[in-house]
Amino acid sequence: MKIGFMGLGAMGAPMADNLLRAGHALRVWNRSPAAAAPLTAAGATRVDTPAEAACGDVLITMLADDDTTREVVVAGGR
């Protein structure tokens, strides 16, 4: 399955890692791109925009709160 994952903080990064270990194709995005480095080293693809993360079968967001989710989804994440 092709999965997009946005939000690689304390909860998101381990969740994304589990999906990657389960064999899913994973596209990851985080407002701080460096947070994606461990996942990309393990085989995930880091993307530059939330829209790129959303290209796939499923999109999972693990963002901090409603305001952050609204900013990322509506305003493009920057």
Protein backbone atom coordinates (compact mmCIF):
# COMPACT_ATOMS: atom_id res chain seq x y z
CA MET A 1 0.00 0.00 0.00
CA LYS A 2 1.19 3.53 -0.76
CA ILE A 3 0.89 5.62 2.40
CA GLY A 4 1.50 9.31 2.96
CA PHE A 5 2.37 10.37 6.50
CA MET A 6 2.44 13.93 7.79
CA GLY A 7 3.75 14.78 11.25
CA LEU A 8 6.89 13.02 12.44
CA GLY A 9 7.02 14.02 16.07
CA ALA A 10 7.05 11.88 19.20
CA MET A 11 4.03 9.85 18.10
CA GLY A 12 4.21 10.15 14.32
CA ALA A 13 7.78 8.99 13.74
CA PRO A 14 7.37 5.62 15.51
CA MET A 15 4.04 5.04 13.79
CA ALA A 16 5.55 5.81 10.39
CA ASP A 17 8.50 3.54 11.16
CA ASN A 18 6.14 0.66 11.95
CA LEU A 19 4.37 1.14 8.61
CA LEU A 20 7.69 1.18 6.79
CA ARG A 21 8.83 -2.00 8.57
CA ALA A 22 5.54 -3.64 7.57
CA GLY A 23 6.56 -3.16 3.93
CA HIS A 24 4.42 -0.21 2.90
CA ALA A 25 5.67 2.40 0.43
CA LEU A 26 5.87 5.50 2.62
CA ARG A 27 5.97 9.17 1.62
CA VAL A 28 6.74 11.38 4.62
CA TRP A 29 6.39 15.11 5.24
CA ASN A 30 7.16 17.22 8.28
CA ARG A 31 7.39 20.98 8.78
CA SER A 32 10.95 20.39 9.97
CA PRO A 33 12.41 18.28 7.14
CA ALA A 34 15.28 16.94 9.27
CA ALA A 35 12.76 14.87 11.24
CA ALA A 36 12.33 12.67 8.16
CA ALA A 37 16.02 11.69 7.98
CA PRO A 38 15.81 8.45 10.01
CA LEU A 39 12.82 7.30 7.97
CA THR A 40 14.40 8.15 4.64
CA ALA A 41 17.52 6.26 5.71
CA ALA A 42 15.23 3.26 6.31
CA GLY A 43 13.59 3.55 2.88
CA ALA A 44 10.83 6.15 3.08
CA THR A 45 10.57 8.94 0.53
CA ARG A 46 10.67 12.48 1.93
CA VAL A 47 8.42 14.88 0.04
CA ASP A 48 8.51 18.67 0.04
CA THR A 49 4.81 19.47 0.37
CA PRO A 50 1.73 18.12 2.13
CA ALA A 51 0.10 17.69 -1.29
CA GLU A 52 2.89 15.31 -2.33
CA ALA A 53 2.39 13.29 0.83
CA ALA A 54 -1.31 12.97 -0.02
CA CYS A 55 -0.59 11.19 -3.31
CA GLY A 56 -1.26 7.53 -2.59
CA ASP A 57 -3.80 5.11 -1.22
CA VAL A 58 -3.97 6.48 2.34
CA LEU A 59 -2.92 9.68 4.11
CA ILE A 60 -2.23 9.66 7.84
CA THR A 61 -1.77 12.89 9.75
CA MET A 62 -0.25 13.00 13.22
CA LEU A 63 -0.10 16.75 13.65
CA ALA A 64 -0.03 18.65 16.93
CA ASP A 65 -3.56 20.05 17.05
CA ASP A 66 -6.52 21.35 15.04
CA ASP A 67 -4.86 24.67 14.23
CA THR A 68 -1.75 22.96 12.89
CA THR A 69 -3.82 20.53 10.84
CA ARG A 70 -5.82 23.40 9.37
CA GLU A 71 -2.62 25.31 8.55
CA VAL A 72 -1.04 22.30 6.85
CA VAL A 73 -4.10 21.17 4.91
CA VAL A 74 -5.53 24.57 3.93
CA ALA A 75 -2.44 26.80 3.78
CA GLY A 76 0.02 24.23 2.45
CA GLY A 77 2.07 23.72 5.58
CA ARG A 78 4.45 26.61 5.67
